[in-house]
Amino acid sequence: MKNLSLKLKEEIYEDTEQVVKKLKIPRNAYINKAIDHYNKVHKRNLLKKKLGKESLLVADDSMEILREFEHLED
């Protein structure tokens, strides 16, 4: 575990406190889960961008191969 000093906007802090009290979980656990979720969302978005760029790079080759396969069926 790493220690971290964190400054939150007052509104975010108050919202967080209300949620953790209702869920009856420690604030630290809640923040860890929130950051983990946030990281997963952003990793997924970065992968989506990367795959999109790579797909564009091979799109012409893929279409050419598809046309060749279509000619083989004839």
N, C-alpha and C. Protein backbone atom coordinates (compact mmCIF):
# COMPACT_ATOMS: atom_id res chain seq x y z
N MET A 1 0.84 -1.18 0.00
CA MET A 1 0.00 0.00 0.00
C MET A 1 0.88 1.24 0.00
N LYS A 2 0.40 2.25 -0.70
CA LYS A 2 1.07 3.54 -0.74
C LYS A 2 0.21 4.56 -0.02
N ASN A 3 0.86 5.44 0.72
CA ASN A 3 0.15 6.55 1.36
C ASN A 3 0.06 7.69 0.36
N LEU A 4 -1.04 8.39 0.41
CA LEU A 4 -1.28 9.46 -0.54
C LEU A 4 -1.99 10.61 0.16
N SER A 5 -1.46 11.80 -0.04
CA SER A 5 -2.15 12.98 0.47
C SER A 5 -3.03 13.49 -0.66
N LEU A 6 -4.28 13.77 -0.36
CA LEU A 6 -5.24 14.09 -1.40
C LEU A 6 -6.07 15.30 -1.00
N LYS A 7 -6.19 16.24 -1.92
CA LYS A 7 -7.06 17.40 -1.68
C LYS A 7 -8.29 17.25 -2.56
N LEU A 8 -9.46 17.28 -1.93
CA LEU A 8 -10.72 17.17 -2.65
C LEU A 8 -11.49 18.48 -2.55
N LYS A 9 -12.25 18.77 -3.57
CA LYS A 9 -13.16 19.89 -3.48
C LYS A 9 -14.18 19.56 -2.39
N GLU A 10 -14.62 20.59 -1.70
CA GLU A 10 -15.54 20.40 -0.58
C GLU A 10 -16.78 19.61 -0.98
N GLU A 11 -17.34 19.93 -2.13
CA GLU A 11 -18.55 19.25 -2.60
C GLU A 11 -18.30 17.76 -2.84
N ILE A 12 -17.18 17.44 -3.44
CA ILE A 12 -16.84 16.04 -3.70
C ILE A 12 -16.63 15.31 -2.38
N TYR A 13 -15.96 15.94 -1.45
CA TYR A 13 -15.74 15.33 -0.13
C TYR A 13 -17.06 15.04 0.57
N GLU A 14 -17.96 16.02 0.57
CA GLU A 14 -19.25 15.84 1.23
C GLU A 14 -20.06 14.72 0.58
N ASP A 15 -20.08 14.69 -0.74
CA ASP A 15 -20.79 13.61 -1.46
C ASP A 15 -20.20 12.26 -1.09
N THR A 16 -18.88 12.19 -1.07
CA THR A 16 -18.20 10.94 -0.74
C THR A 16 -18.56 10.49 0.67
N GLU A 17 -18.53 11.41 1.60
CA GLU A 17 -18.87 11.06 2.98
C GLU A 17 -20.29 10.52 3.10
N GLN A 18 -21.22 11.12 2.39
CA GLN A 18 -22.61 10.63 2.42
C GLN A 18 -22.70 9.22 1.87
N VAL A 19 -22.01 8.96 0.78
CA VAL A 19 -22.08 7.64 0.14
C VAL A 19 -21.44 6.58 1.03
N VAL A 20 -20.24 6.85 1.55
CA VAL A 20 -19.58 5.82 2.36
C VAL A 20 -20.36 5.51 3.64
N LYS A 21 -21.04 6.50 4.18
CA LYS A 21 -21.87 6.25 5.37
C LYS A 21 -23.04 5.34 5.03
N LYS A 22 -23.66 5.60 3.87
CA LYS A 22 -24.79 4.77 3.46
C LYS A 22 -24.35 3.35 3.11
N LEU A 23 -23.19 3.24 2.47
CA LEU A 23 -22.68 1.92 2.09
C LEU A 23 -22.01 1.19 3.24
N LYS A 24 -21.70 1.95 4.29
CA LYS A 24 -21.01 1.40 5.46
C LYS A 24 -19.68 0.75 5.08
N ILE A 25 -18.91 1.49 4.29
CA ILE A 25 -17.56 1.04 3.93
C ILE A 25 -16.58 2.16 4.24
N PRO A 26 -15.32 1.82 4.47
CA PRO A 26 -14.32 2.86 4.74
C PRO A 26 -14.11 3.77 3.51
N ARG A 27 -13.87 5.02 3.78
CA ARG A 27 -13.62 6.00 2.72
C ARG A 27 -12.47 5.53 1.83
N ASN A 28 -11.43 5.00 2.42
CA ASN A 28 -10.26 4.53 1.67
C ASN A 28 -10.65 3.44 0.67
N ALA A 29 -11.48 2.49 1.09
CA ALA A 29 -11.92 1.41 0.20
C ALA A 29 -12.75 1.98 -0.95
N TYR A 30 -13.60 2.93 -0.62
CA TYR A 30 -14.45 3.55 -1.64
C TYR A 30 -13.61 4.28 -2.68
N ILE A 31 -12.64 5.06 -2.23
CA ILE A 31 -11.78 5.81 -3.15
C ILE A 31 -10.94 4.86 -3.99
N ASN A 32 -10.44 3.78 -3.39
CA ASN A 32 -9.67 2.79 -4.14
C ASN A 32 -10.52 2.17 -5.26
N LYS A 33 -11.76 1.81 -4.95
CA LYS A 33 -12.65 1.23 -5.95
C LYS A 33 -12.96 2.24 -7.06
N ALA A 34 -13.16 3.49 -6.67
CA ALA A 34 -13.47 4.54 -7.65
C ALA A 34 -12.30 4.75 -8.61
N ILE A 35 -11.10 4.82 -8.08
CA ILE A 35 -9.92 5.03 -8.93
C ILE A 35 -9.68 3.81 -9.81
N ASP A 36 -9.89 2.63 -9.26
CA ASP A 36 -9.72 1.41 -10.06
C ASP A 36 -10.69 1.41 -11.25
N HIS A 37 -11.93 1.77 -10.99
CA HIS A 37 -12.93 1.84 -12.06
C HIS A 37 -12.54 2.89 -13.09
N TYR A 38 -12.14 4.05 -12.64
CA TYR A 38 -11.73 5.14 -13.52
C TYR A 38 -10.55 4.71 -14.41
N ASN A 39 -9.58 4.03 -13.82
CA ASN A 39 -8.43 3.53 -14.58
C ASN A 39 -8.87 2.53 -15.65
N LYS A 40 -9.77 1.63 -15.30
CA LYS A 40 -10.24 0.63 -16.27
C LYS A 40 -10.96 1.30 -17.44
N VAL A 41 -11.77 2.30 -17.16
CA VAL A 41 -12.49 3.02 -18.22
C VAL A 41 -11.50 3.68 -19.16
N HIS A 42 -10.50 4.34 -18.60
CA HIS A 42 -9.53 5.04 -19.44
C HIS A 42 -8.62 4.08 -20.21
N LYS A 43 -8.25 2.97 -19.60
CA LYS A 43 -7.46 1.96 -20.33
C LYS A 43 -8.25 1.42 -21.51
N ARG A 44 -9.53 1.17 -21.30
CA ARG A 44 -10.40 0.68 -22.36
C ARG A 44 -10.50 1.70 -23.49
N ASN A 45 -10.66 2.97 -23.14
CA ASN A 45 -10.74 4.03 -24.16
C ASN A 45 -9.43 4.18 -24.92
N LEU A 46 -8.31 4.07 -24.23
CA LEU A 46 -7.01 4.16 -24.90
C LEU A 46 -6.83 2.98 -25.86
N LEU A 47 -7.24 1.78 -25.44
CA LEU A 47 -7.14 0.60 -26.29
C LEU A 47 -8.04 0.76 -27.52
N LYS A 48 -9.23 1.29 -27.31
CA LYS A 48 -10.16 1.52 -28.42
C LYS A 48 -9.54 2.46 -29.45
N LYS A 49 -8.92 3.54 -28.99
CA LYS A 49 -8.25 4.47 -29.91
C LYS A 49 -7.13 3.78 -30.67
N LYS A 50 -6.32 3.01 -29.95
CA LYS A 50 -5.18 2.33 -30.56
C LYS A 50 -5.66 1.34 -31.62
N LEU A 51 -6.67 0.55 -31.27
CA LEU A 51 -7.19 -0.43 -32.23
C LEU A 51 -7.81 0.26 -33.44
N GLY A 52 -8.45 1.39 -33.22
CA GLY A 52 -9.04 2.15 -34.32
C GLY A 52 -7.96 2.63 -35.29
N LYS A 53 -6.88 3.17 -34.75
CA LYS A 53 -5.77 3.64 -35.60
C LYS A 53 -5.14 2.48 -36.36
N GLU A 54 -4.91 1.36 -35.67
CA GLU A 54 -4.28 0.21 -36.31
C GLU A 54 -5.20 -0.39 -37.36
N SER A 55 -6.49 -0.37 -37.10
CA SER A 55 -7.45 -0.89 -38.07
C SER A 55 -7.41 -0.06 -39.35
N LEU A 56 -7.29 1.25 -39.22
CA LEU A 56 -7.20 2.11 -40.40
C LEU A 56 -5.92 1.83 -41.20
N LEU A 57 -4.85 1.49 -40.49
CA LEU A 57 -3.59 1.21 -41.17
C LEU A 57 -3.66 -0.03 -42.05
N VAL A 58 -4.46 -1.01 -41.66
CA VAL A 58 -4.53 -2.27 -42.42
C VAL A 58 -5.81 -2.42 -43.23
N ALA A 59 -6.66 -1.39 -43.22
CA ALA A 59 -7.96 -1.49 -43.88
C ALA A 59 -7.82 -1.79 -45.37
N ASP A 60 -6.94 -1.08 -46.07
CA ASP A 60 -6.78 -1.30 -47.51
C ASP A 60 -6.32 -2.73 -47.80
N ASP A 61 -5.35 -3.22 -47.03
CA ASP A 61 -4.87 -4.59 -47.22
C ASP A 61 -5.98 -5.60 -46.97
N SER A 62 -6.77 -5.35 -45.92
CA SER A 62 -7.86 -6.27 -45.59
C SER A 62 -8.89 -6.33 -46.72
N MET A 63 -9.21 -5.19 -47.30
CA MET A 63 -10.18 -5.17 -48.40
C MET A 63 -9.63 -5.88 -49.63
N GLU A 64 -8.35 -5.72 -49.90
CA GLU A 64 -7.73 -6.40 -51.03
C GLU A 64 -7.77 -7.92 -50.84
N ILE A 65 -7.47 -8.38 -49.66
CA ILE A 65 -7.52 -9.82 -49.37
C ILE A 65 -8.95 -10.33 -49.51
N LEU A 66 -9.92 -9.57 -49.04
CA LEU A 66 -11.32 -9.96 -49.16
C LEU A 66 -11.71 -10.09 -50.63
N ARG A 67 -11.29 -9.15 -51.46
CA ARG A 67 -11.60 -9.23 -52.90
C ARG A 67 -10.97 -10.49 -53.52
N GLU A 68 -9.76 -10.80 -53.10
CA GLU A 68 -9.09 -12.00 -53.62
C GLU A 68 -9.86 -13.26 -53.22
N PHE A 69 -10.33 -13.32 -51.99
CA PHE A 69 -11.12 -14.47 -51.56
C PHE A 69 -12.43 -14.57 -52.34
N GLU A 70 -13.05 -13.44 -52.61
CA GLU A 70 -14.30 -13.44 -53.38
C GLU A 70 -14.06 -13.98 -54.77
N HIS A 71 -12.94 -13.69 -55.40
CA HIS A 71 -12.63 -14.20 -56.72
C HIS A 71 -12.38 -15.70 -56.70
N LEU A 72 -11.86 -16.21 -55.56
CA LEU A 72 -11.59 -17.64 -55.45
C LEU A 72 -12.89 -18.43 -55.43
N GLU A 73 -13.95 -17.84 -54.87
CA GLU A 73 -15.25 -18.54 -54.79
C GLU A 73 -15.91 -18.65 -56.14
N ASP A 74 -15.60 -17.75 -57.07
CA ASP A 74 -16.24 -17.74 -58.39
C ASP A 74 -15.71 -18.83 -59.25
